[in-house]
Each structure stands twice: as C-alpha cells, then as structure tokens.
Amino acid sequence: MPDKQTQIVDRLVSVPISHQQITLIDMLQSKYANFVVQKAFQMATEDRREILLSKIDQVLKSGKINPKKAPVKHVFNFFETKFKIKFDLGNHETETKTT
C-alpha cells in the first residue's frame, strides 16, 4: 500500500481534470493548501510532475486564479526558484526552462 505522501500526489494527478481543477484552484488560493501542492510536486516522480504542471497550466489558462496575488504567486515563485520552471504570468501561458 502506498504511503500517505504518495497517495496525495496520486490524488492530485489522477482525478479527472473536470473535478481536479476545482480542487486545484482552491488549493492554489489557500494560504495553507498551496504548500501541499508544492510538497506534492517535490515528492512526485517525473511523470507525475509533468501531469501536475499540465493541470496547473490548465488552471492558470482558465483565468480562474490571479497568479500575481498571494498565496498563488508563492506557488509560481516556488516553481521558478526551486525547479527553474518559469511561468509567463502576464498572458497566463507557461514555458518550462531547464537550466
């Protein structure tokens, strides 16, 4: 049986996107739950990270979050500083840069 950390990551990436976006939007906007998203990304395997990034990208492009307001902006700062993943927050499109 997977440990709790693996279950959290699996839950974030396996729920159908129509349901996941609502949950992910809430988590990104929560001053506490956004840390769960960050930790899940840190613990995830490479393929799970790609899925999670894709889901975050879909939420960003939906226009349902403001990526320049706390706590949402902290999530994007986390991706940039820890993983060199740069989100273009001006037009809500993302690009991944590996340096």
Protein backbone atom coordinates (compact mmCIF):
# COMPACT_ATOMS: atom_id res chain seq x y z
CA MET A 1 0.00 0.00 0.00
CA PRO A 2 1.39 3.44 -0.92
CA ASP A 3 2.28 5.80 1.89
CA LYS A 4 0.23 8.93 2.59
CA GLN A 5 2.59 11.18 0.62
CA THR A 6 2.29 9.02 -2.49
CA GLN A 7 -1.48 8.90 -2.08
CA ILE A 8 -1.65 12.71 -2.01
CA VAL A 9 0.39 13.03 -5.20
CA ASP A 10 -1.66 10.31 -6.88
CA ARG A 11 -4.88 12.05 -5.88
CA LEU A 12 -3.73 15.37 -7.34
CA VAL A 13 -2.73 13.85 -10.67
CA SER A 14 -5.33 11.11 -11.14
CA VAL A 15 -8.63 12.88 -10.51
CA PRO A 16 -10.35 13.76 -13.80
CA ILE A 17 -9.48 17.28 -14.86
CA SER A 18 -13.11 18.46 -14.68
CA HIS A 19 -13.07 17.72 -10.95
CA GLN A 20 -9.38 18.37 -10.36
CA GLN A 21 -9.45 21.99 -11.48
CA ILE A 22 -11.88 22.95 -8.77
CA THR A 23 -9.79 21.27 -6.12
CA LEU A 24 -6.54 22.62 -7.51
CA ILE A 25 -7.92 26.16 -7.79
CA ASP A 26 -8.93 26.02 -4.14
CA MET A 27 -5.56 24.61 -3.13
CA LEU A 28 -3.56 27.19 -5.08
CA GLN A 29 -5.57 30.01 -3.50
CA SER A 30 -5.35 28.69 0.05
CA LYS A 31 -2.60 30.13 2.21
CA TYR A 32 -2.08 26.66 3.68
CA ALA A 33 -3.03 24.18 0.95
CA ASN A 34 -0.68 25.76 -1.59
CA PHE A 35 2.14 24.23 0.45
CA VAL A 36 0.57 20.80 -0.13
CA VAL A 37 0.79 21.41 -3.88
CA GLN A 38 4.43 22.44 -3.51
CA LYS A 39 5.31 19.42 -1.37
CA ALA A 40 3.44 17.06 -3.69
CA PHE A 41 5.47 18.38 -6.61
CA GLN A 42 8.72 17.88 -4.70
CA MET A 43 7.86 14.27 -3.87
CA ALA A 44 6.37 13.32 -7.23
CA THR A 45 8.06 11.22 -9.87
CA GLU A 46 8.99 12.95 -13.12
CA ASP A 47 5.89 11.71 -14.96
CA ARG A 48 3.63 12.82 -12.09
CA ARG A 49 5.34 16.22 -12.07
CA GLU A 50 4.56 16.67 -15.76
CA ILE A 51 0.90 15.83 -15.16
CA LEU A 52 0.70 18.20 -12.18
CA LEU A 53 2.33 21.00 -14.20
CA SER A 54 -0.15 20.40 -17.01
CA LYS A 55 -3.07 20.66 -14.58
CA ILE A 56 -1.68 23.84 -13.02
CA ASP A 57 -1.19 25.24 -16.52
CA GLN A 58 -4.83 24.49 -17.36
CA VAL A 59 -5.98 26.26 -14.20
CA LEU A 60 -3.77 29.24 -15.00
CA LYS A 61 -5.08 29.47 -18.56
CA SER A 62 -8.69 29.21 -17.33
CA GLY A 63 -8.36 32.68 -15.81
CA LYS A 64 -9.93 31.49 -12.55
CA ILE A 65 -6.92 32.47 -10.47
CA ASN A 66 -4.85 35.61 -10.25
CA PRO A 67 -1.24 34.42 -10.41
CA LYS A 68 0.08 37.73 -9.15
CA LYS A 69 -1.70 37.66 -5.78
CA ALA A 70 -0.63 35.81 -2.66
CA PRO A 71 -0.76 32.93 -1.97
CA VAL A 72 -0.98 31.87 -5.63
CA LYS A 73 2.14 33.82 -6.56
CA HIS A 74 4.11 31.91 -3.92
CA VAL A 75 3.45 28.65 -5.76
CA PHE A 76 4.81 30.08 -9.01
CA ASN A 77 7.81 31.56 -7.19
CA PHE A 78 8.43 28.10 -5.74
CA PHE A 79 8.49 26.51 -9.19
CA GLU A 80 10.86 29.16 -10.50
CA THR A 81 13.32 29.21 -7.60
CA LYS A 82 13.44 25.50 -6.77
CA PHE A 83 12.95 23.90 -10.18
CA LYS A 84 13.72 26.64 -12.73
CA ILE A 85 10.22 26.32 -14.17
CA LYS A 86 9.15 29.71 -15.42
CA PHE A 87 5.50 30.60 -15.85
CA ASP A 88 4.63 33.56 -18.03
CA LEU A 89 2.13 35.13 -15.67
CA GLY A 90 1.43 38.09 -17.91
CA ASN A 91 -0.53 36.20 -20.51
CA HIS A 92 -1.22 33.05 -18.47
CA GLU A 93 0.85 30.74 -20.63
CA THR A 94 3.67 28.61 -19.29
CA GLU A 95 7.01 27.56 -20.57
CA THR A 96 9.37 25.16 -18.93
CA LYS A 97 13.01 26.14 -18.87
CA THR A 98 15.60 23.70 -17.70
CA THR A 99 18.88 25.35 -16.81
